[in-house]
Amino acid sequence: MRLPIIVSRLSNFLFFIQRSVKCGLGDFDLGEYLADQNLELAFLGKNENKIWSQVKKTVGARKAEQFRKIIVSFAPAFNSRWRGESQNLLAWQKYFQENHSQSFKRVISDIKKLSGAKHLKISDIPVYLISDITHQDKEICAWFSWEPKKRFIVVEIPSRLRVPGSLFPASILAHEFFHLALRENKNLFLEINKIAERNKGKLAELSGGMPVRMFLEELVISSFIPEGYLGKKHFLSKIAVYNKKSNNLLEWRKFVAYKLNNTAKEYTDNACWIDRKYLENLLEVILE
């Protein structure tokens, strides 16, 4: 299975500018241009014409032209880094596309069965690789965007992070595809929303400020991957013995993966959809 992994120079340049401004670098105040939260989504595209068209649509023609002229000053700093950054991103592109294609094919098959997303085509969902100069994390960060006609995933890779020998980053990417799969099954997605709303007060105490619907969705997916059974089955991950409750999302993810391991295995092995029973079981585990 060949994933549509995209390494865009312009996308990386625009994100470089955004992160530089947030870090106080550069001589220009671009706050006026970067204030629109939709602009970040406009930075992503397969070609430069599409990206600039999206920027123009987001901030207007006049601001887009001004923005285009001002960012030229950032080019020397970006160009001095891009050769090394692009080589690293291409190595990551190869990692996702080639090294673990069979594992990815199998995990996507399980995700489709669990979510009931029969028509999800990951070949239609671009995955953009962005080098992040501002974080020195030891792991990648990934996020998704869902719109009826514009679905994609972004993988942010710390600039000094090299391709590992483990399969864990591939399981993080699979986690994001799971989010998109849930949205393909509108009934399941609505069921998660309903349960989150009914238990809004209790979940708000645990979510650490995250919207309760998203908090519950994160735990549902993490009970399978990357921390849960699918991570173990397809990517050789270990399920941590984790009995501690916390207001930290990562610790909650480890907690539900451990507590629901047998249930997640049963649903996966029997090709069952995630249903109300599974959701209520998860809720009982975190609220008990």
C-alpha atoms as a PDB file:
ATOM      1  CA  MET A   1       0.000   0.000   0.000  1.00  0.00           C
ATOM      2  CA  ARG A   2       1.524   3.312  -1.115  1.00  0.00           C
ATOM      3  CA  LEU A   3       0.498   6.239   1.030  1.00  0.00           C
ATOM      4  CA  PRO A   4       0.069   9.703  -0.546  1.00  0.00           C
ATOM      5  CA  ILE A   5       2.878  11.350   1.430  1.00  0.00           C
ATOM      6  CA  ILE A   6       3.638  14.921   0.336  1.00  0.00           C
ATOM      7  CA  VAL A   7       6.759  16.964   1.072  1.00  0.00           C
ATOM      8  CA  SER A   8       5.987  20.518  -0.050  1.00  0.00           C
ATOM      9  CA  ARG A   9       8.719  23.146   0.025  1.00  0.00           C
ATOM     10  CA  LEU A  10       6.247  26.058   0.115  1.00  0.00           C
ATOM     11  CA  SER A  11       4.162  24.460   2.866  1.00  0.00           C
ATOM     12  CA  ASN A  12       7.292  23.983   4.945  1.00  0.00           C
ATOM     13  CA  PHE A  13       8.400  27.545   4.221  1.00  0.00           C
ATOM     14  CA  LEU A  14       5.073  28.991   5.390  1.00  0.00           C
ATOM     15  CA  PHE A  15       5.064  26.896   8.545  1.00  0.00           C
ATOM     16  CA  PHE A  16       8.690  27.937   9.139  1.00  0.00           C
ATOM     17  CA  ILE A  17       7.570  31.584   9.029  1.00  0.00           C
ATOM     18  CA  GLN A  18       4.639  30.923  11.329  1.00  0.00           C
ATOM     19  CA  ARG A  19       6.791  29.184  13.944  1.00  0.00           C
ATOM     20  CA  SER A  20       9.560  31.797  13.617  1.00  0.00           C
ATOM     21  CA  VAL A  21       7.067  34.595  14.332  1.00  0.00           C
ATOM     22  CA  LYS A  22       5.665  32.741  17.335  1.00  0.00           C
ATOM     23  CA  CYS A  23       9.201  32.346  18.653  1.00  0.00           C
ATOM     24  CA  GLY A  24       9.869  36.073  18.227  1.00  0.00           C
ATOM     25  CA  LEU A  25      12.218  35.670  15.289  1.00  0.00           C
ATOM     26  CA  GLY A  26      12.257  37.996  12.284  1.00  0.00           C
ATOM     27  CA  ASP A  27      11.913  41.768  11.997  1.00  0.00           C
ATOM     28  CA  PHE A  28       8.295  41.950  10.861  1.00  0.00           C
ATOM     29  CA  ASP A  29       5.032  41.801  12.760  1.00  0.00           C
ATOM     30  CA  LEU A  30       2.955  39.255  10.885  1.00  0.00           C
ATOM     31  CA  GLY A  31       0.314  38.939  13.565  1.00  0.00           C
ATOM     32  CA  GLU A  32      -2.257  40.603  11.314  1.00  0.00           C
ATOM     33  CA  TYR A  33      -1.731  37.930   8.685  1.00  0.00           C
ATOM     34  CA  LEU A  34      -1.376  34.919  10.962  1.00  0.00           C
ATOM     35  CA  ALA A  35      -4.295  35.717  13.273  1.00  0.00           C
ATOM     36  CA  ASP A  36      -6.792  33.807  11.151  1.00  0.00           C
ATOM     37  CA  GLN A  37      -6.728  30.213  12.407  1.00  0.00           C
ATOM     38  CA  ASN A  38      -7.860  28.970   9.004  1.00  0.00           C
ATOM     39  CA  LEU A  39      -4.664  30.274   7.429  1.00  0.00           C
ATOM     40  CA  GLU A  40      -2.683  27.318   8.766  1.00  0.00           C
ATOM     41  CA  LEU A  41      -4.909  24.984   6.765  1.00  0.00           C
ATOM     42  CA  ALA A  42      -4.341  27.117   3.658  1.00  0.00           C
ATOM     43  CA  PHE A  43      -0.594  26.453   3.890  1.00  0.00           C
ATOM     44  CA  LEU A  44      -1.106  22.857   2.792  1.00  0.00           C
ATOM     45  CA  GLY A  45      -1.365  21.865  -0.855  1.00  0.00           C
ATOM     46  CA  LYS A  46       0.135  19.737  -3.607  1.00  0.00           C
ATOM     47  CA  ASN A  47       1.369  22.712  -5.631  1.00  0.00           C
ATOM     48  CA  GLU A  48       2.197  26.386  -5.107  1.00  0.00           C
ATOM     49  CA  ASN A  49      -0.693  27.757  -7.148  1.00  0.00           C
ATOM     50  CA  LYS A  50      -3.194  25.870  -5.014  1.00  0.00           C
ATOM     51  CA  ILE A  51      -1.581  27.057  -1.787  1.00  0.00           C
ATOM     52  CA  TRP A  52      -1.572  30.723  -2.802  1.00  0.00           C
ATOM     53  CA  SER A  53      -5.147  30.408  -4.007  1.00  0.00           C
ATOM     54  CA  GLN A  54      -6.142  29.083  -0.583  1.00  0.00           C
ATOM     55  CA  VAL A  55      -4.240  31.857   1.214  1.00  0.00           C
ATOM     56  CA  LYS A  56      -5.961  34.466  -0.964  1.00  0.00           C
ATOM     57  CA  LYS A  57      -9.355  32.935  -0.219  1.00  0.00           C
ATOM     58  CA  THR A  58      -8.634  32.943   3.522  1.00  0.00           C
ATOM     59  CA  VAL A  59      -7.247  36.455   4.111  1.00  0.00           C
ATOM     60  CA  GLY A  60      -8.354  38.291   0.973  1.00  0.00           C
ATOM     61  CA  ALA A  61      -6.460  39.320  -2.164  1.00  0.00           C
ATOM     62  CA  ARG A  62      -4.863  42.489  -0.725  1.00  0.00           C
ATOM     63  CA  LYS A  63      -3.517  40.868   2.433  1.00  0.00           C
ATOM     64  CA  ALA A  64      -2.375  37.800   0.519  1.00  0.00           C
ATOM     65  CA  GLU A  65      -0.279  39.964  -1.815  1.00  0.00           C
ATOM     66  CA  GLN A  66       1.182  41.954   1.105  1.00  0.00           C
ATOM     67  CA  PHE A  67       1.945  38.728   2.958  1.00  0.00           C
ATOM     68  CA  ARG A  68       3.650  37.312  -0.120  1.00  0.00           C
ATOM     69  CA  LYS A  69       5.933  40.334  -0.395  1.00  0.00           C
ATOM     70  CA  ILE A  70       6.844  40.476   3.298  1.00  0.00           C
ATOM     71  CA  ILE A  71       7.765  36.810   3.704  1.00  0.00           C
ATOM     72  CA  VAL A  72      10.566  37.148   1.154  1.00  0.00           C
ATOM     73  CA  SER A  73      12.749  38.382   4.021  1.00  0.00           C
ATOM     74  CA  PHE A  74      12.479  34.948   5.669  1.00  0.00           C
ATOM     75  CA  ALA A  75      13.754  33.115   2.595  1.00  0.00           C
ATOM     76  CA  PRO A  76      17.531  33.255   3.365  1.00  0.00           C
ATOM     77  CA  ALA A  77      17.074  31.749   6.832  1.00  0.00           C
ATOM     78  CA  PHE A  78      14.764  29.064   5.483  1.00  0.00           C
ATOM     79  CA  ASN A  79      16.949  28.254   2.465  1.00  0.00           C
ATOM     80  CA  SER A  80      19.999  27.708   4.673  1.00  0.00           C
ATOM     81  CA  ARG A  81      18.097  24.985   6.527  1.00  0.00           C
ATOM     82  CA  TRP A  82      15.954  23.478   3.794  1.00  0.00           C
ATOM     83  CA  ARG A  83      18.548  21.184   2.223  1.00  0.00           C
ATOM     84  CA  GLY A  84      19.042  19.278   5.474  1.00  0.00           C
ATOM     85  CA  GLU A  85      15.377  19.479   6.469  1.00  0.00           C
ATOM     86  CA  SER A  86      14.141  18.236   3.095  1.00  0.00           C
ATOM     87  CA  GLN A  87      16.511  15.274   3.105  1.00  0.00           C
ATOM     88  CA  ASN A  88      15.226  14.284   6.529  1.00  0.00           C
ATOM     89  CA  LEU A  89      11.605  14.654   5.415  1.00  0.00           C
ATOM     90  CA  LEU A  90      12.262  12.516   2.334  1.00  0.00           C
ATOM     91  CA  ALA A  91      13.701   9.824   4.607  1.00  0.00           C
ATOM     92  CA  TRP A  92      10.498   9.976   6.648  1.00  0.00           C
ATOM     93  CA  GLN A  93       8.460   9.862   3.457  1.00  0.00           C
ATOM     94  CA  LYS A  94      10.207   6.628   2.507  1.00  0.00           C
ATOM     95  CA  TYR A  95       9.661   5.272   6.022  1.00  0.00           C
ATOM     96  CA  PHE A  96       5.894   5.749   5.794  1.00  0.00           C
ATOM     97  CA  GLN A  97       5.505   4.773   2.136  1.00  0.00           C
ATOM     98  CA  GLU A  98       7.680   1.718   1.795  1.00  0.00           C
ATOM     99  CA  ASN A  99       9.067   0.204   4.948  1.00  0.00           C
ATOM    100  CA  HIS A 100       5.795  -0.733   6.625  1.00  0.00           C
ATOM    101  CA  SER A 101       3.292  -0.988   3.774  1.00  0.00           C
ATOM    102  CA  GLN A 102       2.052  -4.466   4.694  1.00  0.00           C
ATOM    103  CA  SER A 103       1.575  -3.562   8.341  1.00  0.00           C
ATOM    104  CA  PHE A 104      -0.318  -0.457   7.308  1.00  0.00           C
ATOM    105  CA  LYS A 105      -2.549  -2.362   4.917  1.00  0.00           C
ATOM    106  CA  ARG A 106      -3.558  -4.764   7.675  1.00  0.00           C
ATOM    107  CA  VAL A 107      -4.148  -2.120  10.325  1.00  0.00           C
ATOM    108  CA  ILE A 108      -6.285  -0.006   7.983  1.00  0.00           C
ATOM    109  CA  SER A 109      -8.364  -3.111   7.251  1.00  0.00           C
ATOM    110  CA  ASP A 110      -8.994  -3.555  10.989  1.00  0.00           C
ATOM    111  CA  ILE A 111      -9.765   0.146  11.427  1.00  0.00           C
ATOM    112  CA  LYS A 112     -12.371  -0.012   8.669  1.00  0.00           C
ATOM    113  CA  LYS A 113     -14.057  -2.994  10.311  1.00  0.00           C
ATOM    114  CA  LEU A 114     -14.017  -1.453  13.801  1.00  0.00           C
ATOM    115  CA  SER A 115     -15.372   1.898  12.608  1.00  0.00           C
ATOM    116  CA  GLY A 116     -17.761   0.580   9.984  1.00  0.00           C
ATOM    117  CA  ALA A 117     -16.114   2.876   7.432  1.00  0.00           C
ATOM    118  CA  LYS A 118     -16.473   0.603   4.422  1.00  0.00           C
ATOM    119  CA  HIS A 119     -15.697   3.277   1.816  1.00  0.00           C
ATOM    120  CA  LEU A 120     -12.668   4.946   3.407  1.00  0.00           C
ATOM    121  CA  LYS A 121      -9.909   5.245   0.771  1.00  0.00           C
ATOM    122  CA  ILE A 122      -6.645   6.309   2.338  1.00  0.00           C
ATOM    123  CA  SER A 123      -5.179   6.804  -1.134  1.00  0.00           C
ATOM    124  CA  ASP A 124      -7.494   9.839  -1.389  1.00  0.00           C
ATOM    125  CA  ILE A 125      -6.235  11.392   1.859  1.00  0.00           C
ATOM    126  CA  PRO A 126      -2.945  13.299   1.489  1.00  0.00           C
ATOM    127  CA  VAL A 127      -0.433  13.204   4.311  1.00  0.00           C
ATOM    128  CA  TYR A 128       1.762  16.312   4.560  1.00  0.00           C
ATOM    129  CA  LEU A 129       5.164  16.139   6.256  1.00  0.00           C
ATOM    130  CA  ILE A 130       6.196  19.360   8.013  1.00  0.00           C
ATOM    131  CA  SER A 131       9.554  19.961   9.664  1.00  0.00           C
ATOM    132  CA  ASP A 132       9.111  21.690  13.017  1.00  0.00           C
ATOM    133  CA  ILE A 133      12.062  23.889  13.967  1.00  0.00           C
ATOM    134  CA  THR A 134      10.606  24.927  17.312  1.00  0.00           C
ATOM    135  CA  HIS A 135      10.238  21.558  19.063  1.00  0.00           C
ATOM    136  CA  GLN A 136      12.969  19.272  20.263  1.00  0.00           C
ATOM    137  CA  ASP A 137      10.555  16.456  21.056  1.00  0.00           C
ATOM    138  CA  LYS A 138      11.628  12.878  20.589  1.00  0.00           C
ATOM    139  CA  GLU A 139       8.401  11.918  18.856  1.00  0.00           C
ATOM    140  CA  ILE A 140       6.379  13.136  15.921  1.00  0.00           C
ATOM    141  CA  CYS A 141       3.108  15.016  16.311  1.00  0.00           C
ATOM    142  CA  ALA A 142       0.174  14.393  13.976  1.00  0.00           C
ATOM    143  CA  TRP A 143      -3.224  15.987  13.416  1.00  0.00           C
ATOM    144  CA  PHE A 144      -6.038  15.746  10.912  1.00  0.00           C
ATOM    145  CA  SER A 145      -8.513  17.982   9.126  1.00  0.00           C
ATOM    146  CA  TRP A 146     -11.974  16.800   8.144  1.00  0.00           C
ATOM    147  CA  GLU A 147     -14.131  18.517   5.589  1.00  0.00           C
ATOM    148  CA  PRO A 148     -16.394  16.759   3.065  1.00  0.00           C
ATOM    149  CA  LYS A 149     -14.194  17.796   0.137  1.00  0.00           C
ATOM    150  CA  LYS A 150     -10.905  18.378   1.928  1.00  0.00           C
ATOM    151  CA  ARG A 151      -9.547  15.715   4.229  1.00  0.00           C
ATOM    152  CA  PHE A 152      -5.874  15.431   5.077  1.00  0.00           C
ATOM    153  CA  ILE A 153      -3.373  14.545   7.780  1.00  0.00           C
ATOM    154  CA  VAL A 154      -0.346  16.564   8.866  1.00  0.00           C
ATOM    155  CA  VAL A 155       2.671  14.941  10.474  1.00  0.00           C
ATOM    156  CA  GLU A 156       4.963  17.426  12.232  1.00  0.00           C
ATOM    157  CA  ILE A 157       8.491  16.117  12.641  1.00  0.00           C
ATOM    158  CA  PRO A 158      11.022  17.806  14.927  1.00  0.00           C
ATOM    159  CA  SER A 159      13.827  18.950  12.669  1.00  0.00           C
ATOM    160  CA  ARG A 160      16.484  16.850  14.394  1.00  0.00           C
ATOM    161  CA  LEU A 161      14.403  13.690  14.676  1.00  0.00           C
ATOM    162  CA  ARG A 162      15.718  10.930  12.451  1.00  0.00           C
ATOM    163  CA  VAL A 163      13.848   7.900  11.141  1.00  0.00           C
ATOM    164  CA  PRO A 164      13.751   5.257  13.896  1.00  0.00           C
ATOM    165  CA  GLY A 165      14.079   1.511  13.698  1.00  0.00           C
ATOM    166  CA  SER A 166      10.729   1.013  15.441  1.00  0.00           C
ATOM    167  CA  LEU A 167       7.242   1.040  13.940  1.00  0.00           C
ATOM    168  CA  PHE A 168       5.729   3.385  16.525  1.00  0.00           C
ATOM    169  CA  PRO A 169       5.534   6.494  14.267  1.00  0.00           C
ATOM    170  CA  ALA A 170       3.540   4.444  11.745  1.00  0.00           C
ATOM    171  CA  SER A 171       1.044   3.613  14.495  1.00  0.00           C
ATOM    172  CA  ILE A 172       0.650   7.345  15.247  1.00  0.00           C
ATOM    173  CA  LEU A 173      -0.256   7.926  11.606  1.00  0.00           C
ATOM    174  CA  ALA A 174      -2.746   5.042  11.782  1.00  0.00           C
ATOM    175  CA  HIS A 175      -4.307   6.763  14.826  1.00  0.00           C
ATOM    176  CA  GLU A 176      -5.074   9.815  12.671  1.00  0.00           C
ATOM    177  CA  PHE A 177      -6.605   7.690   9.931  1.00  0.00           C
ATOM    178  CA  PHE A 178      -8.827   6.174  12.635  1.00  0.00           C
ATOM    179  CA  HIS A 179     -10.181   9.665  13.425  1.00  0.00           C
ATOM    180  CA  LEU A 180     -11.165  10.085   9.778  1.00  0.00           C
ATOM    181  CA  ALA A 181     -12.671   6.598   9.675  1.00  0.00           C
ATOM    182  CA  LEU A 182     -14.952   7.415  12.623  1.00  0.00           C
ATOM    183  CA  ARG A 183     -16.289  10.389  10.703  1.00  0.00           C
ATOM    184  CA  GLU A 184     -17.129   8.182   7.745  1.00  0.00           C
ATOM    185  CA  ASN A 185     -19.609   6.322   9.955  1.00  0.00           C
ATOM    186  CA  LYS A 186     -21.981   9.130  10.917  1.00  0.00           C
ATOM    187  CA  ASN A 187     -24.016   6.952  13.287  1.00  0.00           C
ATOM    188  CA  LEU A 188     -20.953   5.967  15.317  1.00  0.00           C
ATOM    189  CA  PHE A 189     -19.648   9.533  15.323  1.00  0.00           C
ATOM    190  CA  LEU A 190     -23.017  10.831  16.565  1.00  0.00           C
ATOM    191  CA  GLU A 191     -23.145   8.128  19.238  1.00  0.00           C
ATOM    192  CA  ILE A 192     -19.776   9.257  20.607  1.00  0.00           C
ATOM    193  CA  ASN A 193     -21.045  12.856  20.616  1.00  0.00           C
ATOM    194  CA  LYS A 194     -24.245  11.895  22.444  1.00  0.00           C
ATOM    195  CA  ILE A 195     -22.448   9.938  25.153  1.00  0.00           C
ATOM    196  CA  ALA A 196     -19.927  12.761  25.614  1.00  0.00           C
ATOM    197  CA  GLU A 197     -22.746  15.307  25.954  1.00  0.00           C
ATOM    198  CA  ARG A 198     -24.715  13.175  28.432  1.00  0.00           C
ATOM    199  CA  ASN A 199     -21.631  12.857  30.624  1.00  0.00           C
ATOM    200  CA  LYS A 200     -20.292  16.337  29.978  1.00  0.00           C
ATOM    201  CA  GLY A 201     -19.911  17.341  33.616  1.00  0.00           C
ATOM    202  CA  LYS A 202     -17.964  14.262  34.674  1.00  0.00           C
ATOM    203  CA  LEU A 203     -15.792  14.171  31.559  1.00  0.00           C
ATOM    204  CA  ALA A 204     -14.951  17.871  31.889  1.00  0.00           C
ATOM    205  CA  GLU A 205     -13.341  17.099  35.245  1.00  0.00           C
ATOM    206  CA  LEU A 206     -11.014  14.608  33.560  1.00  0.00           C
ATOM    207  CA  SER A 207     -10.280  16.175  30.193  1.00  0.00           C
ATOM    208  CA  GLY A 208      -7.859  18.875  31.303  1.00  0.00           C
ATOM    209  CA  GLY A 209      -9.672  21.545  29.315  1.00  0.00           C
ATOM    210  CA  MET A 210     -10.020  19.538  26.102  1.00  0.00           C
ATOM    211  CA  PRO A 211     -13.559  19.510  24.640  1.00  0.00           C
ATOM    212  CA  VAL A 212     -15.255  16.456  26.118  1.00  0.00           C
ATOM    213  CA  ARG A 213     -16.341  15.073  22.755  1.00  0.00           C
ATOM    214  CA  MET A 214     -12.770  15.118  21.477  1.00  0.00           C
ATOM    215  CA  PHE A 215     -11.487  13.730  24.768  1.00  0.00           C
ATOM    216  CA  LEU A 216     -13.803  10.735  24.525  1.00  0.00           C
ATOM    217  CA  GLU A 217     -12.953  10.183  20.862  1.00  0.00           C
ATOM    218  CA  GLU A 218      -9.222  10.240  21.647  1.00  0.00           C
ATOM    219  CA  LEU A 219      -9.677   7.591  24.320  1.00  0.00           C
ATOM    220  CA  VAL A 220     -11.806   5.382  22.066  1.00  0.00           C
ATOM    221  CA  ILE A 221      -9.131   5.379  19.358  1.00  0.00           C
ATOM    222  CA  SER A 222      -6.210   5.103  21.771  1.00  0.00           C
ATOM    223  CA  SER A 223      -7.764   2.032  23.340  1.00  0.00           C
ATOM    224  CA  PHE A 224      -6.871   0.445  19.974  1.00  0.00           C
ATOM    225  CA  ILE A 225      -3.903   2.434  18.639  1.00  0.00           C
ATOM    226  CA  PRO A 226      -1.136   3.484  19.176  1.00  0.00           C
ATOM    227  CA  GLU A 227      -1.231   2.485  22.835  1.00  0.00           C
ATOM    228  CA  GLY A 228      -3.744  -0.364  22.535  1.00  0.00           C
ATOM    229  CA  TYR A 229      -4.304  -3.741  20.909  1.00  0.00           C
ATOM    230  CA  LEU A 230      -3.876  -2.716  17.248  1.00  0.00           C
ATOM    231  CA  GLY A 231      -0.488  -1.209  18.090  1.00  0.00           C
ATOM    232  CA  LYS A 232       0.557  -4.516  19.606  1.00  0.00           C
ATOM    233  CA  LYS A 233      -0.905  -6.607  16.794  1.00  0.00           C
ATOM    234  CA  HIS A 234       0.487  -4.702  13.819  1.00  0.00           C
ATOM    235  CA  PHE A 235       3.401  -2.572  15.043  1.00  0.00           C
ATOM    236  CA  LEU A 236       4.948  -4.689  17.808  1.00  0.00           C
ATOM    237  CA  SER A 237       4.132  -2.096  20.481  1.00  0.00           C
ATOM    238  CA  LYS A 238       3.881  -3.129  24.097  1.00  0.00           C
ATOM    239  CA  ILE A 239       0.758  -2.350  26.092  1.00  0.00           C
ATOM    240  CA  ALA A 240       1.972  -0.663  29.245  1.00  0.00           C
ATOM    241  CA  VAL A 241       0.671  -1.856  32.602  1.00  0.00           C
ATOM    242  CA  TYR A 242      -0.961   1.400  33.647  1.00  0.00           C
ATOM    243  CA  ASN A 243      -3.410   1.661  36.537  1.00  0.00           C
ATOM    244  CA  LYS A 244      -3.022   5.360  37.333  1.00  0.00           C
ATOM    245  CA  LYS A 245      -5.739   7.891  36.522  1.00  0.00           C
ATOM    246  CA  SER A 246      -4.693  11.428  35.663  1.00  0.00           C
ATOM    247  CA  ASN A 247      -5.696  14.715  34.025  1.00  0.00           C
ATOM    248  CA  ASN A 248      -2.927  14.149  31.499  1.00  0.00           C
ATOM    249  CA  LEU A 249      -4.253  12.946  28.127  1.00  0.00           C
ATOM    250  CA  LEU A 250      -1.275  10.700  27.372  1.00  0.00           C
ATOM    251  CA  GLU A 251      -1.653   8.945  30.712  1.00  0.00           C
ATOM    252  CA  TRP A 252      -5.399   8.514  30.144  1.00  0.00           C
ATOM    253  CA  ARG A 253      -4.626   6.934  26.763  1.00  0.00           C
ATOM    254  CA  LYS A 254      -2.255   4.441  28.352  1.00  0.00           C
ATOM    255  CA  PHE A 255      -4.801   3.734  31.086  1.00  0.00           C
ATOM    256  CA  VAL A 256      -7.698   2.861  28.757  1.00  0.00           C
ATOM    257  CA  ALA A 257      -5.400   0.855  26.449  1.00  0.00           C
ATOM    258  CA  TYR A 258      -4.397  -1.326  29.392  1.00  0.00           C
ATOM    259  CA  LYS A 259      -7.856  -1.624  30.922  1.00  0.00           C
ATOM    260  CA  LEU A 260      -9.640  -2.381  27.634  1.00  0.00           C
ATOM    261  CA  ASN A 261      -6.985  -4.604  26.076  1.00  0.00           C
ATOM    262  CA  ASN A 262      -9.067  -7.791  26.204  1.00  0.00           C
ATOM    263  CA  THR A 263     -12.220  -6.035  24.988  1.00  0.00           C
ATOM    264  CA  ALA A 264     -10.375  -4.321  22.137  1.00  0.00           C
ATOM    265  CA  LYS A 265      -8.860  -7.669  21.148  1.00  0.00           C
ATOM    266  CA  GLU A 266     -12.297  -9.302  21.144  1.00  0.00           C
ATOM    267  CA  TYR A 267     -13.830  -6.595  18.940  1.00  0.00           C
ATOM    268  CA  THR A 268     -10.861  -6.667  16.543  1.00  0.00           C
ATOM    269  CA  ASP A 269     -10.587 -10.437  16.226  1.00  0.00           C
ATOM    270  CA  ASN A 270     -14.339 -10.787  15.698  1.00  0.00           C
ATOM    271  CA  ALA A 271     -14.460  -7.879  13.215  1.00  0.00           C
ATOM    272  CA  CYS A 272     -17.120  -6.082  15.303  1.00  0.00           C
ATOM    273  CA  TRP A 273     -18.051  -2.438  14.982  1.00  0.00           C
ATOM    274  CA  ILE A 274     -17.381  -0.197  17.946  1.00  0.00           C
ATOM    275  CA  ASP A 275     -20.855   0.073  19.438  1.00  0.00           C
ATOM    276  CA  ARG A 276     -22.658   1.652  22.366  1.00  0.00           C
ATOM    277  CA  LYS A 277     -21.634  -1.252  24.599  1.00  0.00           C
ATOM    278  CA  TYR A 278     -17.950  -0.615  23.906  1.00  0.00           C
ATOM    279  CA  LEU A 279     -18.345   3.119  24.510  1.00  0.00           C
ATOM    280  CA  GLU A 280     -20.211   2.565  27.769  1.00  0.00           C
ATOM    281  CA  ASN A 281     -17.569   0.073  28.854  1.00  0.00           C
ATOM    282  CA  LEU A 282     -14.860   2.671  28.268  1.00  0.00           C
ATOM    283  CA  LEU A 283     -16.889   5.289  30.120  1.00  0.00           C
ATOM    284  CA  GLU A 284     -17.319   2.970  33.074  1.00  0.00           C
ATOM    285  CA  VAL A 285     -13.560   2.347  33.205  1.00  0.00           C
ATOM    286  CA  ILE A 286     -12.626   6.028  33.348  1.00  0.00           C
ATOM    287  CA  LEU A 287     -15.445   7.112  35.683  1.00  0.00           C
ATOM    288  CA  GLU A 288     -15.344   4.278  38.216  1.00  0.00           C
END
